All heavy atoms as atom14 arrays in JSON, in Angstrom:
{
  "sequence": "DSLKQTVVMDSLGGGAVEQVVPLFRATNAARYSRGNVAGEAGFSVAR",
  "atom14_mask": [
    [1, 1, 1, 1, 1, 1, 1, 1, 0, 0, 0, 0, 0, 0],
    [1, 1, 1, 1, 1, 1, 0, 0, 0, 0, 0, 0, 0, 0],
    [1, 1, 1, 1, 1, 1, 1, 1, 0, 0, 0, 0, 0, 0],
    [1, 1, 1, 1, 1, 1, 1, 1, 1, 0, 0, 0, 0, 0],
    [1, 1, 1, 1, 1, 1, 1, 1, 1, 0, 0, 0, 0, 0],
    [1, 1, 1, 1, 1, 1, 1, 0, 0, 0, 0, 0, 0, 0],
    [1, 1, 1, 1, 1, 1, 1, 0, 0, 0, 0, 0, 0, 0],
    [1, 1, 1, 1, 1, 1, 1, 0, 0, 0, 0, 0, 0, 0],
    [1, 1, 1, 1, 1, 1, 1, 1, 0, 0, 0, 0, 0, 0],
    [1, 1, 1, 1, 1, 1, 1, 1, 0, 0, 0, 0, 0, 0],
    [1, 1, 1, 1, 1, 1, 0, 0, 0, 0, 0, 0, 0, 0],
    [1, 1, 1, 1, 1, 1, 1, 1, 0, 0, 0, 0, 0, 0],
    [1, 1, 1, 1, 0, 0, 0, 0, 0, 0, 0, 0, 0, 0],
    [1, 1, 1, 1, 0, 0, 0, 0, 0, 0, 0, 0, 0, 0],
    [1, 1, 1, 1, 0, 0, 0, 0, 0, 0, 0, 0, 0, 0],
    [1, 1, 1, 1, 1, 0, 0, 0, 0, 0, 0, 0, 0, 0],
    [1, 1, 1, 1, 1, 1, 1, 0, 0, 0, 0, 0, 0, 0],
    [1, 1, 1, 1, 1, 1, 1, 1, 1, 0, 0, 0, 0, 0],
    [1, 1, 1, 1, 1, 1, 1, 1, 1, 0, 0, 0, 0, 0],
    [1, 1, 1, 1, 1, 1, 1, 0, 0, 0, 0, 0, 0, 0],
    [1, 1, 1, 1, 1, 1, 1, 0, 0, 0, 0, 0, 0, 0],
    [1, 1, 1, 1, 1, 1, 1, 0, 0, 0, 0, 0, 0, 0],
    [1, 1, 1, 1, 1, 1, 1, 1, 0, 0, 0, 0, 0, 0],
    [1, 1, 1, 1, 1, 1, 1, 1, 1, 1, 1, 0, 0, 0],
    [1, 1, 1, 1, 1, 1, 1, 1, 1, 1, 1, 0, 0, 0],
    [1, 1, 1, 1, 1, 0, 0, 0, 0, 0, 0, 0, 0, 0],
    [1, 1, 1, 1, 1, 1, 1, 0, 0, 0, 0, 0, 0, 0],
    [1, 1, 1, 1, 1, 1, 1, 1, 0, 0, 0, 0, 0, 0],
    [1, 1, 1, 1, 1, 0, 0, 0, 0, 0, 0, 0, 0, 0],
    [1, 1, 1, 1, 1, 0, 0, 0, 0, 0, 0, 0, 0, 0],
    [1, 1, 1, 1, 1, 1, 1, 1, 1, 1, 1, 0, 0, 0],
    [1, 1, 1, 1, 1, 1, 1, 1, 1, 1, 1, 1, 0, 0],
    [1, 1, 1, 1, 1, 1, 0, 0, 0, 0, 0, 0, 0, 0],
    [1, 1, 1, 1, 1, 1, 1, 1, 1, 1, 1, 0, 0, 0],
    [1, 1, 1, 1, 0, 0, 0, 0, 0, 0, 0, 0, 0, 0],
    [1, 1, 1, 1, 1, 1, 1, 1, 0, 0, 0, 0, 0, 0],
    [1, 1, 1, 1, 1, 1, 1, 0, 0, 0, 0, 0, 0, 0],
    [1, 1, 1, 1, 1, 0, 0, 0, 0, 0, 0, 0, 0, 0],
    [1, 1, 1, 1, 0, 0, 0, 0, 0, 0, 0, 0, 0, 0],
    [1, 1, 1, 1, 1, 1, 1, 1, 1, 0, 0, 0, 0, 0],
    [1, 1, 1, 1, 1, 0, 0, 0, 0, 0, 0, 0, 0, 0],
    [1, 1, 1, 1, 0, 0, 0, 0, 0, 0, 0, 0, 0, 0],
    [1, 1, 1, 1, 1, 1, 1, 1, 1, 1, 1, 0, 0, 0],
    [1, 1, 1, 1, 1, 1, 0, 0, 0, 0, 0, 0, 0, 0],
    [1, 1, 1, 1, 1, 1, 1, 0, 0, 0, 0, 0, 0, 0],
    [1, 1, 1, 1, 1, 0, 0, 0, 0, 0, 0, 0, 0, 0],
    [1, 1, 1, 1, 1, 1, 1, 1, 1, 1, 1, 0, 0, 0]
  ],
  "atom14_positions": [
    [[47.44, 39.38, -50.24], [48.81, 39.06, -50.37], [49.66, 39.27, -49.18], [50.62, 38.6, -48.91], [49.46, 39.85, -51.51], [49.09, 39.33, -52.93], [48.82, 38.04, -52.98], [49.05, 40.19, -53.8], [0.0, 0.0, 0.0], [0.0, 0.0, 0.0], [0.0, 0.0, 0.0], [0.0, 0.0, 0.0], [0.0, 0.0, 0.0], [0.0, 0.0, 0.0]],
    [[49.21, 40.34, -48.41], [49.93, 40.61, -47.11], [49.87, 39.47, -46.12], [50.67, 39.41, -45.12], [49.57, 41.94, -46.54], [48.18, 41.81, -46.03], [0.0, 0.0, 0.0], [0.0, 0.0, 0.0], [0.0, 0.0, 0.0], [0.0, 0.0, 0.0], [0.0, 0.0, 0.0], [0.0, 0.0, 0.0], [0.0, 0.0, 0.0], [0.0, 0.0, 0.0]],
    [[48.78, 38.67, -46.24], [48.61, 37.51, -45.3], [49.14, 36.12, -45.88], [48.57, 35.1, -45.41], [47.11, 37.45, -44.99], [46.58, 38.61, -44.29], [44.99, 38.4, -44.04], [47.29, 38.9, -42.97], [0.0, 0.0, 0.0], [0.0, 0.0, 0.0], [0.0, 0.0, 0.0], [0.0, 0.0, 0.0], [0.0, 0.0, 0.0], [0.0, 0.0, 0.0]],
    [[50.06, 36.26, -46.82], [50.6, 35.04, -47.52], [49.54, 34.26, -48.22], [49.59, 33.08, -48.34], [51.37, 34.17, -46.58], [52.59, 34.86, -45.93], [53.39, 33.96, -45.06], [54.51, 34.7, -44.59], [55.31, 33.92, -43.61], [0.0, 0.0, 0.0], [0.0, 0.0, 0.0], [0.0, 0.0, 0.0], [0.0, 0.0, 0.0], [0.0, 0.0, 0.0]],
    [[48.5, 35.01, -48.75], [47.51, 34.37, -49.57], [47.81, 34.88, -51.11], [47.6, 35.99, -51.36], [46.22, 34.62, -49.17], [45.82, 34.32, -47.8], [44.51, 34.92, -47.25], [44.0, 35.82, -47.85], [44.17, 34.56, -46.04], [0.0, 0.0, 0.0], [0.0, 0.0, 0.0], [0.0, 0.0, 0.0], [0.0, 0.0, 0.0], [0.0, 0.0, 0.0]],
    [[48.31, 34.08, -51.93], [48.66, 34.48, -53.19], [47.37, 34.8, -54.04], [46.47, 33.96, -54.28], [49.47, 33.4, -53.96], [50.53, 33.08, -53.06], [50.04, 33.9, -55.27], [0.0, 0.0, 0.0], [0.0, 0.0, 0.0], [0.0, 0.0, 0.0], [0.0, 0.0, 0.0], [0.0, 0.0, 0.0], [0.0, 0.0, 0.0], [0.0, 0.0, 0.0]],
    [[47.32, 36.02, -54.56], [46.15, 36.51, -55.39], [46.67, 36.75, -56.8], [47.62, 37.51, -57.0], [45.46, 37.86, -54.86], [44.41, 38.3, -55.71], [45.02, 37.64, -53.34], [0.0, 0.0, 0.0], [0.0, 0.0, 0.0], [0.0, 0.0, 0.0], [0.0, 0.0, 0.0], [0.0, 0.0, 0.0], [0.0, 0.0, 0.0], [0.0, 0.0, 0.0]],
    [[46.06, 36.03, -57.8], [46.47, 36.1, -59.09], [45.18, 36.54, -59.95], [44.28, 35.82, -60.09], [47.03, 34.78, -59.66], [47.34, 35.0, -61.14], [48.31, 34.4, -58.89], [0.0, 0.0, 0.0], [0.0, 0.0, 0.0], [0.0, 0.0, 0.0], [0.0, 0.0, 0.0], [0.0, 0.0, 0.0], [0.0, 0.0, 0.0], [0.0, 0.0, 0.0]],
    [[45.27, 37.78, -60.51], [44.19, 38.2, -61.37], [44.23, 37.43, -62.75], [45.33, 37.45, -63.3], [44.27, 39.72, -61.62], [43.93, 40.7, -60.41], [42.22, 40.41, -59.84], [41.35, 40.89, -61.16], [0.0, 0.0, 0.0], [0.0, 0.0, 0.0], [0.0, 0.0, 0.0], [0.0, 0.0, 0.0], [0.0, 0.0, 0.0], [0.0, 0.0, 0.0]],
    [[42.93, 36.98, -63.08], [42.97, 36.19, -64.43], [42.26, 37.07, -65.42], [42.68, 37.09, -66.61], [42.15, 34.93, -64.23], [42.74, 33.96, -63.28], [43.98, 33.96, -63.16], [42.03, 33.28, -62.63], [0.0, 0.0, 0.0], [0.0, 0.0, 0.0], [0.0, 0.0, 0.0], [0.0, 0.0, 0.0], [0.0, 0.0, 0.0], [0.0, 0.0, 0.0]],
    [[41.25, 37.88, -65.03], [40.61, 38.62, -65.97], [39.9, 39.91, -65.33], [39.51, 39.72, -64.07], [39.6, 37.91, -66.7], [38.52, 37.43, -65.88], [0.0, 0.0, 0.0], [0.0, 0.0, 0.0], [0.0, 0.0, 0.0], [0.0, 0.0, 0.0], [0.0, 0.0, 0.0], [0.0, 0.0, 0.0], [0.0, 0.0, 0.0], [0.0, 0.0, 0.0]],
    [[39.72, 40.94, -65.99], [39.12, 42.03, -65.37], [38.79, 42.99, -66.57], [39.69, 43.41, -67.32], [39.96, 42.96, -64.41], [39.44, 44.07, -63.71], [38.22, 43.61, -62.92], [40.39, 44.8, -62.9], [0.0, 0.0, 0.0], [0.0, 0.0, 0.0], [0.0, 0.0, 0.0], [0.0, 0.0, 0.0], [0.0, 0.0, 0.0], [0.0, 0.0, 0.0]],
    [[37.51, 43.07, -66.82], [37.14, 44.0, -68.06], [35.68, 43.79, -68.32], [35.08, 43.12, -67.59], [0.0, 0.0, 0.0], [0.0, 0.0, 0.0], [0.0, 0.0, 0.0], [0.0, 0.0, 0.0], [0.0, 0.0, 0.0], [0.0, 0.0, 0.0], [0.0, 0.0, 0.0], [0.0, 0.0, 0.0], [0.0, 0.0, 0.0], [0.0, 0.0, 0.0]],
    [[35.22, 44.44, -69.39], [33.82, 44.51, -69.7], [33.62, 44.95, -71.18], [34.55, 45.39, -71.87], [0.0, 0.0, 0.0], [0.0, 0.0, 0.0], [0.0, 0.0, 0.0], [0.0, 0.0, 0.0], [0.0, 0.0, 0.0], [0.0, 0.0, 0.0], [0.0, 0.0, 0.0], [0.0, 0.0, 0.0], [0.0, 0.0, 0.0], [0.0, 0.0, 0.0]],
    [[32.35, 45.0, -71.49], [31.96, 45.67, -72.84], [30.7, 46.14, -72.78], [29.79, 45.81, -71.86], [0.0, 0.0, 0.0], [0.0, 0.0, 0.0], [0.0, 0.0, 0.0], [0.0, 0.0, 0.0], [0.0, 0.0, 0.0], [0.0, 0.0, 0.0], [0.0, 0.0, 0.0], [0.0, 0.0, 0.0], [0.0, 0.0, 0.0], [0.0, 0.0, 0.0]],
    [[30.4, 47.13, -73.69], [29.02, 47.75, -73.79], [28.0, 46.75, -74.38], [28.47, 46.05, -75.39], [29.21, 49.09, -74.51], [0.0, 0.0, 0.0], [0.0, 0.0, 0.0], [0.0, 0.0, 0.0], [0.0, 0.0, 0.0], [0.0, 0.0, 0.0], [0.0, 0.0, 0.0], [0.0, 0.0, 0.0], [0.0, 0.0, 0.0], [0.0, 0.0, 0.0]],
    [[26.94, 46.76, -74.06], [25.92, 45.95, -74.75], [25.32, 46.79, -75.86], [24.97, 48.03, -75.72], [24.67, 45.69, -73.7], [23.58, 44.86, -74.42], [25.29, 44.85, -72.61], [0.0, 0.0, 0.0], [0.0, 0.0, 0.0], [0.0, 0.0, 0.0], [0.0, 0.0, 0.0], [0.0, 0.0, 0.0], [0.0, 0.0, 0.0], [0.0, 0.0, 0.0]],
    [[25.28, 46.28, -76.98], [24.92, 46.91, -78.11], [23.88, 46.17, -78.97], [23.86, 44.97, -79.04], [26.16, 47.07, -79.19], [25.94, 47.54, -80.45], [27.18, 47.44, -81.34], [27.77, 46.45, -81.39], [27.55, 48.5, -81.89], [0.0, 0.0, 0.0], [0.0, 0.0, 0.0], [0.0, 0.0, 0.0], [0.0, 0.0, 0.0], [0.0, 0.0, 0.0]],
    [[22.9, 46.9, -79.76], [21.84, 46.35, -80.5], [22.24, 46.59, -82.01], [22.48, 47.81, -82.23], [20.6, 46.89, -80.17], [19.4, 46.39, -80.97], [18.01, 46.96, -80.7], [17.9, 47.62, -79.82], [17.04, 46.6, -81.5], [0.0, 0.0, 0.0], [0.0, 0.0, 0.0], [0.0, 0.0, 0.0], [0.0, 0.0, 0.0], [0.0, 0.0, 0.0]],
    [[22.34, 45.65, -82.78], [22.65, 45.81, -84.22], [21.47, 45.44, -85.01], [20.87, 44.37, -84.92], [23.92, 44.83, -84.57], [24.15, 45.12, -86.09], [25.02, 45.27, -83.75], [0.0, 0.0, 0.0], [0.0, 0.0, 0.0], [0.0, 0.0, 0.0], [0.0, 0.0, 0.0], [0.0, 0.0, 0.0], [0.0, 0.0, 0.0], [0.0, 0.0, 0.0]],
    [[21.0, 46.39, -85.84], [19.74, 46.24, -86.55], [20.1, 46.37, -88.04], [20.54, 47.44, -88.5], [18.73, 47.24, -86.22], [17.4, 47.1, -87.0], [18.44, 47.13, -84.77], [0.0, 0.0, 0.0], [0.0, 0.0, 0.0], [0.0, 0.0, 0.0], [0.0, 0.0, 0.0], [0.0, 0.0, 0.0], [0.0, 0.0, 0.0], [0.0, 0.0, 0.0]],
    [[19.87, 45.23, -88.83], [20.14, 45.44, -90.4], [18.93, 46.35, -90.93], [17.73, 46.08, -90.57], [20.08, 44.05, -90.8], [19.47, 43.2, -89.79], [19.5, 43.99, -88.49], [0.0, 0.0, 0.0], [0.0, 0.0, 0.0], [0.0, 0.0, 0.0], [0.0, 0.0, 0.0], [0.0, 0.0, 0.0], [0.0, 0.0, 0.0], [0.0, 0.0, 0.0]],
    [[19.32, 47.25, -91.75], [18.25, 48.07, -92.3], [18.01, 47.64, -93.77], [19.0, 47.35, -94.52], [18.7, 49.57, -92.24], [19.02, 50.12, -90.83], [19.58, 51.5, -90.91], [17.71, 50.14, -90.03], [0.0, 0.0, 0.0], [0.0, 0.0, 0.0], [0.0, 0.0, 0.0], [0.0, 0.0, 0.0], [0.0, 0.0, 0.0], [0.0, 0.0, 0.0]],
    [[16.86, 47.8, -94.24], [16.48, 47.5, -95.57], [17.16, 48.23, -96.61], [17.14, 49.51, -96.6], [14.96, 47.68, -95.81], [14.4, 47.32, -97.11], [14.26, 45.96, -97.48], [14.05, 48.26, -97.99], [13.94, 45.65, -98.73], [13.48, 47.97, -99.22], [13.45, 46.67, -99.67], [0.0, 0.0, 0.0], [0.0, 0.0, 0.0], [0.0, 0.0, 0.0]],
    [[17.86, 47.55, -97.52], [18.63, 48.26, -98.6], [19.82, 49.08, -98.12], [20.37, 49.89, -98.86], [17.76, 49.0, -99.51], [16.87, 48.15, -100.35], [16.14, 48.95, -101.5], [15.34, 47.99, -102.1], [14.54, 48.38, -103.1], [14.62, 49.59, -103.55], [13.74, 47.58, -103.8], [0.0, 0.0, 0.0], [0.0, 0.0, 0.0], [0.0, 0.0, 0.0]],
    [[20.16, 48.96, -96.9], [21.31, 49.81, -96.32], [22.66, 48.98, -96.43], [22.65, 47.77, -96.4], [21.06, 50.09, -94.85], [0.0, 0.0, 0.0], [0.0, 0.0, 0.0], [0.0, 0.0, 0.0], [0.0, 0.0, 0.0], [0.0, 0.0, 0.0], [0.0, 0.0, 0.0], [0.0, 0.0, 0.0], [0.0, 0.0, 0.0], [0.0, 0.0, 0.0]],
    [[23.67, 49.78, -96.69], [24.99, 49.2, -96.77], [25.46, 48.7, -95.43], [26.07, 47.65, -95.33], [26.0, 50.15, -97.31], [25.43, 50.64, -98.56], [27.39, 49.58, -97.46], [0.0, 0.0, 0.0], [0.0, 0.0, 0.0], [0.0, 0.0, 0.0], [0.0, 0.0, 0.0], [0.0, 0.0, 0.0], [0.0, 0.0, 0.0], [0.0, 0.0, 0.0]],
    [[25.17, 49.45, -94.37], [25.62, 49.14, -93.16], [24.47, 49.05, -92.15], [23.43, 49.6, -92.29], [26.55, 50.26, -92.5], [27.81, 50.39, -93.37], [28.38, 49.39, -93.58], [28.17, 51.57, -93.75], [0.0, 0.0, 0.0], [0.0, 0.0, 0.0], [0.0, 0.0, 0.0], [0.0, 0.0, 0.0], [0.0, 0.0, 0.0], [0.0, 0.0, 0.0]],
    [[24.57, 48.2, -91.17], [23.47, 48.05, -90.12], [23.56, 49.07, -89.19], [24.58, 49.83, -88.97], [23.84, 46.76, -89.33], [0.0, 0.0, 0.0], [0.0, 0.0, 0.0], [0.0, 0.0, 0.0], [0.0, 0.0, 0.0], [0.0, 0.0, 0.0], [0.0, 0.0, 0.0], [0.0, 0.0, 0.0], [0.0, 0.0, 0.0], [0.0, 0.0, 0.0]],
    [[22.34, 49.49, -88.59], [22.46, 50.52, -87.52], [22.84, 49.86, -86.27], [22.52, 48.83, -85.85], [20.89, 51.1, -87.36], [0.0, 0.0, 0.0], [0.0, 0.0, 0.0], [0.0, 0.0, 0.0], [0.0, 0.0, 0.0], [0.0, 0.0, 0.0], [0.0, 0.0, 0.0], [0.0, 0.0, 0.0], [0.0, 0.0, 0.0], [0.0, 0.0, 0.0]],
    [[23.66, 50.67, -85.39], [24.11, 50.12, -84.2], [23.7, 51.11, -83.15], [24.04, 52.28, -83.15], [25.72, 50.05, -84.27], [26.22, 49.23, -85.5], [27.63, 49.22, -85.57], [28.28, 48.24, -84.77], [28.51, 46.92, -85.13], [28.07, 46.5, -86.29], [28.95, 46.08, -84.3], [0.0, 0.0, 0.0], [0.0, 0.0, 0.0], [0.0, 0.0, 0.0]],
    [[23.16, 50.53, -82.08], [22.66, 51.33, -80.98], [23.22, 50.88, -79.6], [23.16, 49.79, -79.37], [21.22, 51.28, -80.87], [20.38, 51.67, -82.09], [19.94, 50.71, -82.94], [20.22, 53.02, -82.36], [19.25, 51.09, -84.1], [19.57, 53.41, -83.49], [19.08, 52.4, -84.37], [18.46, 52.84, -85.54], [0.0, 0.0, 0.0], [0.0, 0.0, 0.0]],
    [[23.9, 51.82, -78.88], [24.39, 51.48, -77.58], [23.07, 51.48, -76.65], [22.33, 52.46, -76.63], [25.38, 52.51, -77.07], [25.77, 52.19, -75.77], [0.0, 0.0, 0.0], [0.0, 0.0, 0.0], [0.0, 0.0, 0.0], [0.0, 0.0, 0.0], [0.0, 0.0, 0.0], [0.0, 0.0, 0.0], [0.0, 0.0, 0.0], [0.0, 0.0, 0.0]],
    [[23.09, 50.49, -75.73], [21.84, 50.36, -74.99], [22.29, 50.91, -73.5], [21.44, 50.84, -72.61], [21.44, 48.95, -74.83], [20.89, 48.47, -76.11], [19.62, 49.3, -76.27], [19.0, 49.15, -77.61], [18.34, 50.12, -78.15], [18.07, 51.27, -77.7], [17.74, 49.96, -79.33], [0.0, 0.0, 0.0], [0.0, 0.0, 0.0], [0.0, 0.0, 0.0]],
    [[23.5, 51.44, -73.28], [23.81, 52.02, -71.99], [24.17, 50.98, -70.91], [24.48, 51.44, -69.79], [0.0, 0.0, 0.0], [0.0, 0.0, 0.0], [0.0, 0.0, 0.0], [0.0, 0.0, 0.0], [0.0, 0.0, 0.0], [0.0, 0.0, 0.0], [0.0, 0.0, 0.0], [0.0, 0.0, 0.0], [0.0, 0.0, 0.0], [0.0, 0.0, 0.0]],
    [[24.18, 49.69, -71.28], [24.38, 48.7, -70.28], [25.92, 48.27, -70.44], [26.36, 48.26, -71.49], [23.64, 47.46, -70.46], [22.12, 47.76, -70.31], [21.66, 48.84, -70.06], [21.24, 46.81, -70.57], [0.0, 0.0, 0.0], [0.0, 0.0, 0.0], [0.0, 0.0, 0.0], [0.0, 0.0, 0.0], [0.0, 0.0, 0.0], [0.0, 0.0, 0.0]],
    [[26.48, 47.89, -69.43], [27.83, 47.3, -69.43], [27.91, 45.96, -68.66], [27.25, 45.87, -67.62], [28.91, 48.32, -68.63], [30.26, 47.59, -68.57], [28.96, 49.65, -69.37], [0.0, 0.0, 0.0], [0.0, 0.0, 0.0], [0.0, 0.0, 0.0], [0.0, 0.0, 0.0], [0.0, 0.0, 0.0], [0.0, 0.0, 0.0], [0.0, 0.0, 0.0]],
    [[28.43, 45.02, -69.39], [28.67, 43.71, -68.75], [30.0, 43.33, -68.64], [30.73, 43.48, -69.72], [27.72, 42.63, -69.58], [0.0, 0.0, 0.0], [0.0, 0.0, 0.0], [0.0, 0.0, 0.0], [0.0, 0.0, 0.0], [0.0, 0.0, 0.0], [0.0, 0.0, 0.0], [0.0, 0.0, 0.0], [0.0, 0.0, 0.0], [0.0, 0.0, 0.0]],
    [[30.61, 42.92, -67.53], [31.93, 42.51, -67.53], [32.15, 41.26, -66.63], [31.27, 40.69, -66.15], [0.0, 0.0, 0.0], [0.0, 0.0, 0.0], [0.0, 0.0, 0.0], [0.0, 0.0, 0.0], [0.0, 0.0, 0.0], [0.0, 0.0, 0.0], [0.0, 0.0, 0.0], [0.0, 0.0, 0.0], [0.0, 0.0, 0.0], [0.0, 0.0, 0.0]],
    [[33.51, 40.93, -66.5], [33.91, 39.83, -65.78], [35.09, 40.21, -64.93], [35.93, 41.02, -65.3], [34.24, 38.66, -66.73], [33.3, 38.15, -67.63], [32.37, 37.23, -66.99], [32.74, 36.58, -66.07], [31.11, 37.22, -67.38], [0.0, 0.0, 0.0], [0.0, 0.0, 0.0], [0.0, 0.0, 0.0], [0.0, 0.0, 0.0], [0.0, 0.0, 0.0]],
    [[35.13, 39.57, -63.75], [36.34, 39.67, -62.85], [36.64, 38.28, -62.41], [35.83, 37.69, -61.95], [36.03, 40.62, -61.65], [0.0, 0.0, 0.0], [0.0, 0.0, 0.0], [0.0, 0.0, 0.0], [0.0, 0.0, 0.0], [0.0, 0.0, 0.0], [0.0, 0.0, 0.0], [0.0, 0.0, 0.0], [0.0, 0.0, 0.0], [0.0, 0.0, 0.0]],
    [[37.89, 37.84, -62.66], [38.24, 36.53, -62.29], [39.72, 36.62, -61.69], [40.55, 37.32, -62.13], [0.0, 0.0, 0.0], [0.0, 0.0, 0.0], [0.0, 0.0, 0.0], [0.0, 0.0, 0.0], [0.0, 0.0, 0.0], [0.0, 0.0, 0.0], [0.0, 0.0, 0.0], [0.0, 0.0, 0.0], [0.0, 0.0, 0.0], [0.0, 0.0, 0.0]],
    [[39.82, 35.82, -60.55], [41.04, 35.67, -59.91], [41.2, 34.39, -59.19], [40.16, 33.81, -58.84], [41.31, 36.96, -58.95], [40.19, 37.13, -57.95], [40.24, 36.48, -56.85], [39.2, 37.89, -58.31], [39.19, 36.66, -55.92], [38.09, 38.01, -57.44], [38.12, 37.45, -56.18], [0.0, 0.0, 0.0], [0.0, 0.0, 0.0], [0.0, 0.0, 0.0]],
    [[42.38, 34.07, -58.86], [42.68, 32.82, -58.05], [43.31, 33.25, -56.75], [44.11, 34.24, -56.72], [43.61, 31.85, -58.82], [42.99, 31.51, -59.97], [0.0, 0.0, 0.0], [0.0, 0.0, 0.0], [0.0, 0.0, 0.0], [0.0, 0.0, 0.0], [0.0, 0.0, 0.0], [0.0, 0.0, 0.0], [0.0, 0.0, 0.0], [0.0, 0.0, 0.0]],
    [[42.96, 32.5, -55.65], [43.58, 32.85, -54.4], [44.1, 31.47, -53.78], [43.28, 30.51, -53.71], [42.53, 33.41, -53.42], [43.1, 33.58, -52.02], [41.96, 34.67, -53.91], [0.0, 0.0, 0.0], [0.0, 0.0, 0.0], [0.0, 0.0, 0.0], [0.0, 0.0, 0.0], [0.0, 0.0, 0.0], [0.0, 0.0, 0.0], [0.0, 0.0, 0.0]],
    [[45.27, 31.48, -53.52], [46.02, 30.22, -52.91], [46.26, 30.55, -51.48], [46.91, 31.56, -51.12], [47.27, 29.85, -53.62], [0.0, 0.0, 0.0], [0.0, 0.0, 0.0], [0.0, 0.0, 0.0], [0.0, 0.0, 0.0], [0.0, 0.0, 0.0], [0.0, 0.0, 0.0], [0.0, 0.0, 0.0], [0.0, 0.0, 0.0], [0.0, 0.0, 0.0]],
    [[45.8, 29.64, -50.56], [46.03, 29.85, -49.18], [46.24, 28.39, -48.48], [45.87, 27.47, -49.01], [44.98, 30.58, -48.4], [43.63, 29.76, -48.37], [42.55, 30.5, -47.56], [42.03, 31.71, -48.22], [41.59, 32.65, -47.59], [41.29, 32.64, -46.32], [41.23, 33.84, -48.27], [0.0, 0.0, 0.0], [0.0, 0.0, 0.0], [0.0, 0.0, 0.0]]
  ]
}
């Protein structure tokens, strides 16, 4: 921005990768965090 290049952030964030396993005769599925994080960063630059 200090060089008159307009920077506009569109997205910045992420989420944890999760494994969901339905269990036999269970009311709720088992949910396991796999320790991975996947995210996105998006922005526009006009010059």
